[in-house]
Amino acid sequence: MSRLRPSLAAPSVGPRPQPFQAPQGDMAILAGSGNPLLAQSIANALGVRLTPCRAHIFSDGNVFVRIKENVRGRDTFIIQGVHHPVNDNFMELLFWVDALKRASAQQVTAVIPFFSYAKGDKKDEPRVSIRARVCADAIEAAGADRVLTMDLHSPQIQGFFSVPVDHLYARHVLCEHIQSLGISDLVVCSPDVGFAKGASAYANILGVPVVIGNKQRVDHSENPEVLEVIGNVEGKNVILVDDFAITGRSLISMGEVCRERGAKDIYAAVSHGVLSKGAAARIGDSLIRKMFITDTVENPVDPLPANIETVTVAPLFAQAIRSIHDRSSISMLFPEDKAE
């Protein structure tokens, strides 16, 4: 009995193949009310327009958000920092993520330039909440597919999320700006041992020595006491570095100690200039000759004095968003951080 051989005839002509389309869909950048200026700068750097949207707070405090354009099947990025007013901004972030998921976005990336609740990263006192973990759970429950943020207070917070977290570092942008100033005899100083690793990373990029401050904080009054500086600052220009500044007292106290130890000019560089009420004026009246902050936090509660300068991180966020959209490596943006 003969077997039937498969036909060698050419297959029938079907529909013509369509041009390849990226599976992630078109990019859509949305600006929450927390970072409208940064979002616009990011969109400009990407060469795209912001997707129209609106956030509104009713008289009773309820937050309302609405996307004014079709985002079905698109790769969406909602830029919304969690800074003052922290709880309003956080709830708005959750509602934006939920709105995008319900609008059938293909992927939702929560772009959080500053994540304030990252300070609550551990249970270091009895009967307290690990606030960063609670917020991470809420962001995931709302439907975020991934998170893009900058300089978390503790890198291990990335482990609080089950979705991918892309962690950017402002120090690369800040160091580039500092190098452009040509400051001689420079030494990097961390106000406390908690930021020692970050200070070492600054020093590595700048190619200068590093010293560490010994700070003690006995309560939640935000009045730390700097006890000593570990290392030599005599005859040096000192740049104090940290991930954020709220009251500015740590930086100011550390600057005073460095001056007592023979330091010349005092500078400062922090990723997030949170700057609570009175902090800007306090820094303006301090020994700090120039303080560099980024534009991750908008709407300062007080006008910034002449000695505080803002350096934009919009191009860095734009590069990261482009890498996420193109499914390429973000770590390539930080060749100095291969060990991290």
C-alpha atoms as a PDB file:
ATOM      1  CA  MET A   1       0.000   0.000   0.000  1.00  0.00           C
ATOM      2  CA  SER A   2       1.558   3.253  -1.100  1.00  0.00           C
ATOM      3  CA  ARG A   3       1.906   6.121   1.274  1.00  0.00           C
ATOM      4  CA  LEU A   4       0.698   9.572   0.379  1.00  0.00           C
ATOM      5  CA  ARG A   5       3.611  11.966  -0.025  1.00  0.00           C
ATOM      6  CA  PRO A   6       3.219  15.496   1.215  1.00  0.00           C
ATOM      7  CA  SER A   7       2.434  17.886  -1.555  1.00  0.00           C
ATOM      8  CA  LEU A   8       5.403  19.832  -2.891  1.00  0.00           C
ATOM      9  CA  ALA A   9       3.200  22.389  -4.517  1.00  0.00           C
ATOM     10  CA  ALA A  10       3.625  25.996  -3.484  1.00  0.00           C
ATOM     11  CA  PRO A  11       1.225  27.056  -0.772  1.00  0.00           C
ATOM     12  CA  SER A  12      -1.720  29.125  -1.774  1.00  0.00           C
ATOM     13  CA  VAL A  13      -1.129  32.861  -1.677  1.00  0.00           C
ATOM     14  CA  GLY A  14      -2.545  34.359   1.499  1.00  0.00           C
ATOM     15  CA  PRO A  15      -2.634  37.861   2.935  1.00  0.00           C
ATOM     16  CA  ARG A  16       0.544  39.859   2.388  1.00  0.00           C
ATOM     17  CA  PRO A  17       2.724  39.992   5.556  1.00  0.00           C
ATOM     18  CA  GLN A  18       2.299  43.195   7.512  1.00  0.00           C
ATOM     19  CA  PRO A  19       5.293  45.371   8.474  1.00  0.00           C
ATOM     20  CA  PHE A  20       6.831  44.444  11.818  1.00  0.00           C
ATOM     21  CA  GLN A  21       5.348  46.270  14.776  1.00  0.00           C
ATOM     22  CA  ALA A  22       7.032  46.378  18.189  1.00  0.00           C
ATOM     23  CA  PRO A  23       5.070  44.182  20.588  1.00  0.00           C
ATOM     24  CA  GLN A  24       5.167  46.894  23.268  1.00  0.00           C
ATOM     25  CA  GLY A  25       3.089  49.335  21.208  1.00  0.00           C
ATOM     26  CA  ASP A  26       3.553  53.069  20.816  1.00  0.00           C
ATOM     27  CA  MET A  27       5.074  55.053  23.671  1.00  0.00           C
ATOM     28  CA  ALA A  28       2.813  57.262  25.785  1.00  0.00           C
ATOM     29  CA  ILE A  29       4.215  59.657  28.425  1.00  0.00           C
ATOM     30  CA  LEU A  30       1.789  61.018  31.017  1.00  0.00           C
ATOM     31  CA  ALA A  31       2.452  63.748  33.585  1.00  0.00           C
ATOM     32  CA  GLY A  32       0.939  63.485  37.039  1.00  0.00           C
ATOM     33  CA  SER A  33       0.467  66.642  39.078  1.00  0.00           C
ATOM     34  CA  GLY A  34       3.597  65.906  41.130  1.00  0.00           C
ATOM     35  CA  ASN A  35       6.162  66.442  38.346  1.00  0.00           C
ATOM     36  CA  PRO A  36       4.655  68.346  35.403  1.00  0.00           C
ATOM     37  CA  LEU A  37       7.849  70.273  34.604  1.00  0.00           C
ATOM     38  CA  LEU A  38      10.119  67.229  34.773  1.00  0.00           C
ATOM     39  CA  ALA A  39       7.636  65.230  32.698  1.00  0.00           C
ATOM     40  CA  GLN A  40       7.610  67.899  29.995  1.00  0.00           C
ATOM     41  CA  SER A  41      11.417  67.984  29.962  1.00  0.00           C
ATOM     42  CA  ILE A  42      11.530  64.187  29.648  1.00  0.00           C
ATOM     43  CA  ALA A  43       9.039  64.266  26.784  1.00  0.00           C
ATOM     44  CA  ASN A  44      11.095  66.964  25.060  1.00  0.00           C
ATOM     45  CA  ALA A  45      14.248  64.869  25.437  1.00  0.00           C
ATOM     46  CA  LEU A  46      12.426  61.886  23.921  1.00  0.00           C
ATOM     47  CA  GLY A  47      10.995  63.959  21.100  1.00  0.00           C
ATOM     48  CA  VAL A  48       7.405  63.030  21.923  1.00  0.00           C
ATOM     49  CA  ARG A  49       4.398  64.938  23.188  1.00  0.00           C
ATOM     50  CA  LEU A  50       2.790  64.388  26.556  1.00  0.00           C
ATOM     51  CA  THR A  51      -0.405  62.364  26.424  1.00  0.00           C
ATOM     52  CA  PRO A  52      -3.270  64.636  27.532  1.00  0.00           C
ATOM     53  CA  CYS A  53      -4.527  63.828  31.030  1.00  0.00           C
ATOM     54  CA  ARG A  54      -5.978  65.580  34.037  1.00  0.00           C
ATOM     55  CA  ALA A  55      -5.802  65.245  37.821  1.00  0.00           C
ATOM     56  CA  HIS A  56      -8.212  67.059  40.110  1.00  0.00           C
ATOM     57  CA  ILE A  57      -8.749  67.195  43.881  1.00  0.00           C
ATOM     58  CA  PHE A  58     -12.343  67.782  44.961  1.00  0.00           C
ATOM     59  CA  SER A  59     -13.234  70.010  47.882  1.00  0.00           C
ATOM     60  CA  ASP A  60     -13.604  66.987  50.169  1.00  0.00           C
ATOM     61  CA  GLY A  61     -10.051  65.820  49.347  1.00  0.00           C
ATOM     62  CA  ASN A  62     -10.926  63.078  46.843  1.00  0.00           C
ATOM     63  CA  VAL A  63      -8.422  62.654  44.021  1.00  0.00           C
ATOM     64  CA  PHE A  64      -9.741  62.228  40.475  1.00  0.00           C
ATOM     65  CA  VAL A  65      -7.693  61.345  37.375  1.00  0.00           C
ATOM     66  CA  ARG A  66      -8.622  60.978  33.713  1.00  0.00           C
ATOM     67  CA  ILE A  67      -6.685  60.103  30.565  1.00  0.00           C
ATOM     68  CA  LYS A  68      -7.936  62.184  27.627  1.00  0.00           C
ATOM     69  CA  GLU A  69      -6.622  59.993  24.817  1.00  0.00           C
ATOM     70  CA  ASN A  70      -6.783  56.374  23.741  1.00  0.00           C
ATOM     71  CA  VAL A  71      -3.886  54.349  25.240  1.00  0.00           C
ATOM     72  CA  ARG A  72      -5.123  50.867  24.293  1.00  0.00           C
ATOM     73  CA  GLY A  73      -2.166  48.621  23.487  1.00  0.00           C
ATOM     74  CA  ARG A  74       0.406  51.360  24.180  1.00  0.00           C
ATOM     75  CA  ASP A  75       3.582  51.269  26.283  1.00  0.00           C
ATOM     76  CA  THR A  76       2.704  53.842  28.953  1.00  0.00           C
ATOM     77  CA  PHE A  77       4.841  55.750  31.457  1.00  0.00           C
ATOM     78  CA  ILE A  78       3.176  57.766  34.214  1.00  0.00           C
ATOM     79  CA  ILE A  79       5.595  60.272  35.789  1.00  0.00           C
ATOM     80  CA  GLN A  80       4.461  60.987  39.323  1.00  0.00           C
ATOM     81  CA  GLY A  81       6.773  61.609  42.275  1.00  0.00           C
ATOM     82  CA  VAL A  82       5.816  60.859  45.868  1.00  0.00           C
ATOM     83  CA  HIS A  83       6.825  64.092  47.590  1.00  0.00           C
ATOM     84  CA  HIS A  84       4.873  66.843  49.370  1.00  0.00           C
ATOM     85  CA  PRO A  85       1.902  66.500  49.596  1.00  0.00           C
ATOM     86  CA  VAL A  86       3.075  62.910  49.979  1.00  0.00           C
ATOM     87  CA  ASN A  87      -0.206  61.095  50.519  1.00  0.00           C
ATOM     88  CA  ASP A  88      -2.099  62.993  47.806  1.00  0.00           C
ATOM     89  CA  ASN A  89       0.689  62.322  45.323  1.00  0.00           C
ATOM     90  CA  PHE A  90       0.881  58.649  46.266  1.00  0.00           C
ATOM     91  CA  MET A  91      -2.860  58.095  45.920  1.00  0.00           C
ATOM     92  CA  GLU A  92      -2.803  59.917  42.591  1.00  0.00           C
ATOM     93  CA  LEU A  93      -0.043  57.571  41.409  1.00  0.00           C
ATOM     94  CA  LEU A  94      -2.173  54.537  42.272  1.00  0.00           C
ATOM     95  CA  PHE A  95      -5.187  55.972  40.458  1.00  0.00           C
ATOM     96  CA  TRP A  96      -3.125  56.737  37.347  1.00  0.00           C
ATOM     97  CA  VAL A  97      -1.841  53.164  37.244  1.00  0.00           C
ATOM     98  CA  ASP A  98      -5.366  51.814  37.695  1.00  0.00           C
ATOM     99  CA  ALA A  99      -6.761  54.133  35.002  1.00  0.00           C
ATOM    100  CA  LEU A 100      -4.094  53.032  32.527  1.00  0.00           C
ATOM    101  CA  LYS A 101      -4.722  49.337  33.180  1.00  0.00           C
ATOM    102  CA  ARG A 102      -8.488  49.811  32.809  1.00  0.00           C
ATOM    103  CA  ALA A 103      -7.839  51.682  29.556  1.00  0.00           C
ATOM    104  CA  SER A 104      -6.093  48.534  28.230  1.00  0.00           C
ATOM    105  CA  ALA A 105      -2.542  49.926  28.153  1.00  0.00           C
ATOM    106  CA  GLN A 106      -0.143  47.194  27.037  1.00  0.00           C
ATOM    107  CA  GLN A 107       2.367  47.992  29.795  1.00  0.00           C
ATOM    108  CA  VAL A 108       2.294  50.494  32.664  1.00  0.00           C
ATOM    109  CA  THR A 109       5.567  51.800  34.094  1.00  0.00           C
ATOM    110  CA  ALA A 110       5.321  53.892  37.254  1.00  0.00           C
ATOM    111  CA  VAL A 111       8.050  56.521  36.952  1.00  0.00           C
ATOM    112  CA  ILE A 112       8.644  57.765  40.506  1.00  0.00           C
ATOM    113  CA  PRO A 113      11.425  60.395  40.531  1.00  0.00           C
ATOM    114  CA  PHE A 114      11.360  60.595  44.350  1.00  0.00           C
ATOM    115  CA  PHE A 115       9.797  57.888  46.514  1.00  0.00           C
ATOM    116  CA  SER A 116       9.416  59.563  49.910  1.00  0.00           C
ATOM    117  CA  TYR A 117       8.186  56.474  51.755  1.00  0.00           C
ATOM    118  CA  ALA A 118      11.484  54.755  50.931  1.00  0.00           C
ATOM    119  CA  LYS A 119      12.657  56.104  54.295  1.00  0.00           C
ATOM    120  CA  GLY A 120      10.372  53.546  55.959  1.00  0.00           C
ATOM    121  CA  ASP A 121      12.449  50.580  54.844  1.00  0.00           C
ATOM    122  CA  LYS A 122      12.858  48.590  58.071  1.00  0.00           C
ATOM    123  CA  LYS A 123      11.342  47.737  61.432  1.00  0.00           C
ATOM    124  CA  ASP A 124      13.949  49.368  63.666  1.00  0.00           C
ATOM    125  CA  GLU A 125      11.537  50.120  66.518  1.00  0.00           C
ATOM    126  CA  PRO A 126       8.833  48.001  68.161  1.00  0.00           C
ATOM    127  CA  ARG A 127       5.337  48.071  66.628  1.00  0.00           C
ATOM    128  CA  VAL A 128       6.102  50.228  63.565  1.00  0.00           C
ATOM    129  CA  SER A 129       5.091  49.776  59.944  1.00  0.00           C
ATOM    130  CA  ILE A 130       7.529  49.015  57.136  1.00  0.00           C
ATOM    131  CA  ARG A 131       5.929  51.740  55.057  1.00  0.00           C
ATOM    132  CA  ALA A 132       7.979  51.235  51.904  1.00  0.00           C
ATOM    133  CA  ARG A 133       6.799  47.616  51.695  1.00  0.00           C
ATOM    134  CA  VAL A 134       3.149  48.623  52.122  1.00  0.00           C
ATOM    135  CA  CYS A 135       3.513  51.186  49.327  1.00  0.00           C
ATOM    136  CA  ALA A 136       5.239  48.648  47.076  1.00  0.00           C
ATOM    137  CA  ASP A 137       2.359  46.211  47.581  1.00  0.00           C
ATOM    138  CA  ALA A 138      -0.155  48.960  46.766  1.00  0.00           C
ATOM    139  CA  ILE A 139       1.632  49.967  43.551  1.00  0.00           C
ATOM    140  CA  GLU A 140       1.657  46.349  42.386  1.00  0.00           C
ATOM    141  CA  ALA A 141      -1.971  45.801  43.397  1.00  0.00           C
ATOM    142  CA  ALA A 142      -2.966  48.853  41.336  1.00  0.00           C
ATOM    143  CA  GLY A 143      -1.478  47.131  38.299  1.00  0.00           C
ATOM    144  CA  ALA A 144       2.005  48.560  37.653  1.00  0.00           C
ATOM    145  CA  ASP A 145       4.070  46.283  35.409  1.00  0.00           C
ATOM    146  CA  ARG A 146       7.371  47.858  36.383  1.00  0.00           C
ATOM    147  CA  VAL A 147       8.817  50.792  38.349  1.00  0.00           C
ATOM    148  CA  LEU A 148      11.442  53.356  37.354  1.00  0.00           C
ATOM    149  CA  THR A 149      12.809  55.461  40.193  1.00  0.00           C
ATOM    150  CA  MET A 150      15.901  57.350  41.338  1.00  0.00           C
ATOM    151  CA  ASP A 151      18.125  57.015  44.401  1.00  0.00           C
ATOM    152  CA  LEU A 152      15.990  54.995  46.772  1.00  0.00           C
ATOM    153  CA  HIS A 153      16.996  55.564  50.389  1.00  0.00           C
ATOM    154  CA  SER A 154      18.028  51.892  50.536  1.00  0.00           C
ATOM    155  CA  PRO A 155      18.702  49.860  47.377  1.00  0.00           C
ATOM    156  CA  GLN A 156      17.198  46.747  48.984  1.00  0.00           C
ATOM    157  CA  ILE A 157      13.762  48.373  48.649  1.00  0.00           C
ATOM    158  CA  GLN A 158      13.820  47.029  45.096  1.00  0.00           C
ATOM    159  CA  GLY A 159      13.287  43.629  46.716  1.00  0.00           C
ATOM    160  CA  PHE A 160       9.969  44.811  48.166  1.00  0.00           C
ATOM    161  CA  PHE A 161       8.546  44.659  44.644  1.00  0.00           C
ATOM    162  CA  SER A 162       7.760  41.541  42.636  1.00  0.00           C
ATOM    163  CA  VAL A 163       7.692  43.542  39.400  1.00  0.00           C
ATOM    164  CA  PRO A 164      10.959  44.781  37.834  1.00  0.00           C
ATOM    165  CA  VAL A 165      12.448  47.936  39.352  1.00  0.00           C
ATOM    166  CA  ASP A 166      14.911  50.093  37.409  1.00  0.00           C
ATOM    167  CA  HIS A 167      17.008  52.175  39.803  1.00  0.00           C
ATOM    168  CA  LEU A 168      18.725  55.319  38.506  1.00  0.00           C
ATOM    169  CA  TYR A 169      21.524  57.260  40.198  1.00  0.00           C
ATOM    170  CA  ALA A 170      21.627  61.064  40.186  1.00  0.00           C
ATOM    171  CA  ARG A 171      25.306  61.103  41.119  1.00  0.00           C
ATOM    172  CA  HIS A 172      26.374  60.681  37.490  1.00  0.00           C
ATOM    173  CA  VAL A 173      24.565  63.861  36.460  1.00  0.00           C
ATOM    174  CA  LEU A 174      25.657  65.764  39.573  1.00  0.00           C
ATOM    175  CA  CYS A 175      29.295  64.680  39.226  1.00  0.00           C
ATOM    176  CA  GLU A 176      29.350  65.791  35.598  1.00  0.00           C
ATOM    177  CA  HIS A 177      28.145  69.215  36.712  1.00  0.00           C
ATOM    178  CA  ILE A 178      30.655  69.383  39.577  1.00  0.00           C
ATOM    179  CA  GLN A 179      33.520  68.431  37.269  1.00  0.00           C
ATOM    180  CA  SER A 180      32.549  71.252  34.921  1.00  0.00           C
ATOM    181  CA  LEU A 181      33.224  73.751  37.747  1.00  0.00           C
ATOM    182  CA  GLY A 182      36.887  72.759  38.053  1.00  0.00           C
ATOM    183  CA  ILE A 183      36.996  72.791  41.865  1.00  0.00           C
ATOM    184  CA  SER A 184      40.544  71.988  43.043  1.00  0.00           C
ATOM    185  CA  ASP A 185      41.656  70.047  46.160  1.00  0.00           C
ATOM    186  CA  LEU A 186      38.245  68.410  46.398  1.00  0.00           C
ATOM    187  CA  VAL A 187      37.221  65.749  48.899  1.00  0.00           C
ATOM    188  CA  VAL A 188      33.837  64.016  49.120  1.00  0.00           C
ATOM    189  CA  CYS A 189      32.183  63.795  52.528  1.00  0.00           C
ATOM    190  CA  SER A 190      29.166  61.782  53.670  1.00  0.00           C
ATOM    191  CA  PRO A 191      27.297  63.277  56.667  1.00  0.00           C
ATOM    192  CA  ASP A 192      26.955  59.786  58.182  1.00  0.00           C
ATOM    193  CA  VAL A 193      28.056  56.182  57.761  1.00  0.00           C
ATOM    194  CA  GLY A 194      24.678  55.315  56.234  1.00  0.00           C
ATOM    195  CA  PHE A 195      25.631  57.023  52.970  1.00  0.00           C
ATOM    196  CA  ALA A 196      29.281  55.907  53.058  1.00  0.00           C
ATOM    197  CA  LYS A 197      28.893  53.625  50.041  1.00  0.00           C
ATOM    198  CA  GLY A 198      27.154  56.360  48.069  1.00  0.00           C
ATOM    199  CA  ALA A 199      29.907  58.833  48.992  1.00  0.00           C
ATOM    200  CA  SER A 200      32.522  56.336  47.817  1.00  0.00           C
ATOM    201  CA  ALA A 201      30.708  56.087  44.475  1.00  0.00           C
ATOM    202  CA  TYR A 202      30.811  59.893  44.158  1.00  0.00           C
ATOM    203  CA  ALA A 203      34.516  59.902  45.006  1.00  0.00           C
ATOM    204  CA  ASN A 204      35.191  57.152  42.470  1.00  0.00           C
ATOM    205  CA  ILE A 205      33.537  59.121  39.658  1.00  0.00           C
ATOM    206  CA  LEU A 206      35.249  62.370  40.641  1.00  0.00           C
ATOM    207  CA  GLY A 207      38.606  60.678  41.330  1.00  0.00           C
ATOM    208  CA  VAL A 208      39.029  62.285  44.763  1.00  0.00           C
ATOM    209  CA  PRO A 209      39.320  61.048  48.399  1.00  0.00           C
ATOM    210  CA  VAL A 210      36.339  60.404  50.650  1.00  0.00           C
ATOM    211  CA  VAL A 211      35.743  61.132  54.353  1.00  0.00           C
ATOM    212  CA  ILE A 212      32.817  60.091  56.555  1.00  0.00           C
ATOM    213  CA  GLY A 213      30.887  61.971  59.216  1.00  0.00           C
ATOM    214  CA  ASN A 214      29.722  60.372  62.454  1.00  0.00           C
ATOM    215  CA  LYS A 215      26.140  61.502  63.030  1.00  0.00           C
ATOM    216  CA  GLN A 216      23.796  60.599  65.850  1.00  0.00           C
ATOM    217  CA  ARG A 217      19.998  60.872  65.671  1.00  0.00           C
ATOM    218  CA  VAL A 218      18.291  60.035  68.978  1.00  0.00           C
ATOM    219  CA  ASP A 219      14.633  60.701  68.051  1.00  0.00           C
ATOM    220  CA  HIS A 220      12.324  61.832  65.222  1.00  0.00           C
ATOM    221  CA  SER A 221      12.882  65.566  65.803  1.00  0.00           C
ATOM    222  CA  GLU A 222      15.038  65.834  62.635  1.00  0.00           C
ATOM    223  CA  ASN A 223      17.802  67.484  64.683  1.00  0.00           C
ATOM    224  CA  PRO A 224      20.863  65.255  64.208  1.00  0.00           C
ATOM    225  CA  GLU A 225      24.142  65.822  66.013  1.00  0.00           C
ATOM    226  CA  VAL A 226      27.385  65.474  64.069  1.00  0.00           C
ATOM    227  CA  LEU A 227      29.992  64.122  66.464  1.00  0.00           C
ATOM    228  CA  GLU A 228      33.137  63.843  64.343  1.00  0.00           C
ATOM    229  CA  VAL A 229      34.555  63.528  60.834  1.00  0.00           C
ATOM    230  CA  ILE A 230      36.569  60.437  59.942  1.00  0.00           C
ATOM    231  CA  GLY A 231      39.342  61.492  57.564  1.00  0.00           C
ATOM    232  CA  ASN A 232      41.402  64.565  56.712  1.00  0.00           C
ATOM    233  CA  VAL A 233      39.736  67.698  55.318  1.00  0.00           C
ATOM    234  CA  GLU A 234      42.376  70.264  56.251  1.00  0.00           C
ATOM    235  CA  GLY A 235      43.112  72.585  53.345  1.00  0.00           C
ATOM    236  CA  LYS A 236      40.522  70.823  51.179  1.00  0.00           C
ATOM    237  CA  ASN A 237      37.371  71.951  49.429  1.00  0.00           C
ATOM    238  CA  VAL A 238      34.636  69.652  50.716  1.00  0.00           C
ATOM    239  CA  ILE A 239      31.537  68.513  48.876  1.00  0.00           C
ATOM    240  CA  LEU A 240      28.903  66.976  51.154  1.00  0.00           C
ATOM    241  CA  VAL A 241      26.792  64.316  49.443  1.00  0.00           C
ATOM    242  CA  ASP A 242      23.552  62.578  50.393  1.00  0.00           C
ATOM    243  CA  ASP A 243      20.480  61.056  48.781  1.00  0.00           C
ATOM    244  CA  PHE A 244      18.074  63.718  50.053  1.00  0.00           C
ATOM    245  CA  ALA A 245      17.888  66.808  52.236  1.00  0.00           C
ATOM    246  CA  ILE A 246      14.773  67.651  54.240  1.00  0.00           C
ATOM    247  CA  THR A 247      15.732  70.153  56.952  1.00  0.00           C
ATOM    248  CA  GLY A 248      19.320  70.608  55.767  1.00  0.00           C
ATOM    249  CA  ARG A 249      20.613  70.383  59.326  1.00  0.00           C
ATOM    250  CA  SER A 250      22.819  67.330  58.709  1.00  0.00           C
ATOM    251  CA  LEU A 251      24.597  69.028  55.826  1.00  0.00           C
ATOM    252  CA  ILE A 252      24.926  72.320  57.691  1.00  0.00           C
ATOM    253  CA  SER A 253      26.292  70.665  60.845  1.00  0.00           C
ATOM    254  CA  MET A 254      28.718  68.548  58.853  1.00  0.00           C
ATOM    255  CA  GLY A 255      29.911  71.641  57.005  1.00  0.00           C
ATOM    256  CA  GLU A 256      30.575  73.417  60.288  1.00  0.00           C
ATOM    257  CA  VAL A 257      32.572  70.464  61.615  1.00  0.00           C
ATOM    258  CA  CYS A 258      34.614  70.310  58.404  1.00  0.00           C
ATOM    259  CA  ARG A 259      35.366  74.038  58.632  1.00  0.00           C
ATOM    260  CA  GLU A 260      36.502  73.560  62.248  1.00  0.00           C
ATOM    261  CA  ARG A 261      38.854  70.833  60.961  1.00  0.00           C
ATOM    262  CA  GLY A 262      40.472  73.250  58.504  1.00  0.00           C
ATOM    263  CA  ALA A 263      38.391  72.797  55.349  1.00  0.00           C
ATOM    264  CA  LYS A 264      38.177  75.645  52.848  1.00  0.00           C
ATOM    265  CA  ASP A 265      34.974  76.003  50.809  1.00  0.00           C
ATOM    266  CA  ILE A 266      31.958  73.797  51.579  1.00  0.00           C
ATOM    267  CA  TYR A 267      29.733  72.494  48.783  1.00  0.00           C
ATOM    268  CA  ALA A 268      26.847  70.017  48.824  1.00  0.00           C
ATOM    269  CA  ALA A 269      25.154  67.724  46.313  1.00  0.00           C
ATOM    270  CA  VAL A 270      21.968  65.772  47.012  1.00  0.00           C
ATOM    271  CA  SER A 271      19.728  63.801  44.702  1.00  0.00           C
ATOM    272  CA  HIS A 272      16.402  65.010  46.123  1.00  0.00           C
ATOM    273  CA  GLY A 273      15.999  68.525  47.482  1.00  0.00           C
ATOM    274  CA  VAL A 274      12.905  67.857  49.593  1.00  0.00           C
ATOM    275  CA  LEU A 275      13.543  70.973  51.731  1.00  0.00           C
ATOM    276  CA  SER A 276      10.762  71.324  54.279  1.00  0.00           C
ATOM    277  CA  LYS A 277       9.529  74.677  55.577  1.00  0.00           C
ATOM    278  CA  GLY A 278      12.483  76.877  56.584  1.00  0.00           C
ATOM    279  CA  ALA A 279      15.151  74.569  55.138  1.00  0.00           C
ATOM    280  CA  ALA A 280      15.935  76.716  52.081  1.00  0.00           C
ATOM    281  CA  ALA A 281      16.534  79.837  54.169  1.00  0.00           C
ATOM    282  CA  ARG A 282      18.588  77.806  56.642  1.00  0.00           C
ATOM    283  CA  ILE A 283      20.864  76.568  53.871  1.00  0.00           C
ATOM    284  CA  GLY A 284      21.021  80.064  52.378  1.00  0.00           C
ATOM    285  CA  ASP A 285      22.421  81.397  55.666  1.00  0.00           C
ATOM    286  CA  SER A 286      24.863  78.500  56.166  1.00  0.00           C
ATOM    287  CA  LEU A 287      28.535  77.932  55.335  1.00  0.00           C
ATOM    288  CA  ILE A 288      27.538  76.005  52.206  1.00  0.00           C
ATOM    289  CA  ARG A 289      28.854  77.990  49.268  1.00  0.00           C
ATOM    290  CA  LYS A 290      26.844  76.085  46.680  1.00  0.00           C
ATOM    291  CA  MET A 291      24.356  73.242  46.964  1.00  0.00           C
ATOM    292  CA  PHE A 292      23.338  71.201  43.923  1.00  0.00           C
ATOM    293  CA  ILE A 293      19.978  69.424  43.804  1.00  0.00           C
ATOM    294  CA  THR A 294      18.081  67.746  40.975  1.00  0.00           C
ATOM    295  CA  ASP A 295      14.604  68.489  39.644  1.00  0.00           C
ATOM    296  CA  THR A 296      13.019  65.283  40.982  1.00  0.00           C
ATOM    297  CA  VAL A 297      11.064  67.325  43.560  1.00  0.00           C
ATOM    298  CA  GLU A 298       8.914  70.207  42.321  1.00  0.00           C
ATOM    299  CA  ASN A 299       6.828  72.901  44.009  1.00  0.00           C
ATOM    300  CA  PRO A 300       9.254  73.874  46.810  1.00  0.00           C
ATOM    301  CA  VAL A 301       7.531  75.170  49.924  1.00  0.00           C
ATOM    302  CA  ASP A 302       9.949  78.143  50.078  1.00  0.00           C
ATOM    303  CA  PRO A 303      11.826  80.060  47.358  1.00  0.00           C
ATOM    304  CA  LEU A 304      15.310  78.697  46.765  1.00  0.00           C
ATOM    305  CA  PRO A 305      18.210  80.937  47.843  1.00  0.00           C
ATOM    306  CA  ALA A 306      21.038  81.942  45.516  1.00  0.00           C
ATOM    307  CA  ASN A 307      23.362  79.203  46.788  1.00  0.00           C
ATOM    308  CA  ILE A 308      21.014  76.334  45.749  1.00  0.00           C
ATOM    309  CA  GLU A 309      21.287  75.315  42.098  1.00  0.00           C
ATOM    310  CA  THR A 310      19.064  72.804  40.296  1.00  0.00           C
ATOM    311  CA  VAL A 311      20.565  70.287  37.861  1.00  0.00           C
ATOM    312  CA  THR A 312      18.122  68.458  35.600  1.00  0.00           C
ATOM    313  CA  VAL A 313      17.930  64.666  35.416  1.00  0.00           C
ATOM    314  CA  ALA A 314      15.378  64.708  32.588  1.00  0.00           C
ATOM    315  CA  PRO A 315      17.851  63.417  29.944  1.00  0.00           C
ATOM    316  CA  LEU A 316      18.779  60.485  32.187  1.00  0.00           C
ATOM    317  CA  PHE A 317      15.131  59.541  32.773  1.00  0.00           C
ATOM    318  CA  ALA A 318      14.500  59.922  29.045  1.00  0.00           C
ATOM    319  CA  GLN A 319      17.349  57.518  28.237  1.00  0.00           C
ATOM    320  CA  ALA A 320      16.017  55.006  30.756  1.00  0.00           C
ATOM    321  CA  ILE A 321      12.470  55.244  29.388  1.00  0.00           C
ATOM    322  CA  ARG A 322      13.776  54.789  25.864  1.00  0.00           C
ATOM    323  CA  SER A 323      15.711  51.691  26.997  1.00  0.00           C
ATOM    324  CA  ILE A 324      12.626  50.238  28.684  1.00  0.00           C
ATOM    325  CA  HIS A 325      10.526  50.907  25.597  1.00  0.00           C
ATOM    326  CA  ASP A 326      13.142  49.438  23.249  1.00  0.00           C
ATOM    327  CA  ARG A 327      13.774  46.481  25.597  1.00  0.00           C
ATOM    328  CA  SER A 328      17.473  47.318  25.866  1.00  0.00           C
ATOM    329  CA  SER A 329      19.813  47.413  28.873  1.00  0.00           C
ATOM    330  CA  ILE A 330      19.521  50.256  31.379  1.00  0.00           C
ATOM    331  CA  SER A 331      22.694  49.209  33.217  1.00  0.00           C
ATOM    332  CA  MET A 332      24.655  50.389  30.178  1.00  0.00           C
ATOM    333  CA  LEU A 333      23.819  53.944  31.300  1.00  0.00           C
ATOM    334  CA  PHE A 334      26.032  53.413  34.353  1.00  0.00           C
ATOM    335  CA  PRO A 335      29.324  51.830  33.278  1.00  0.00           C
ATOM    336  CA  GLU A 336      30.945  52.841  36.580  1.00  0.00           C
ATOM    337  CA  ASP A 337      28.417  50.798  38.575  1.00  0.00           C
ATOM    338  CA  LYS A 338      29.056  47.330  37.178  1.00  0.00           C
ATOM    339  CA  ALA A 339      29.609  46.003  40.700  1.00  0.00           C
ATOM    340  CA  GLU A 340      26.131  47.164  41.726  1.00  0.00           C
END
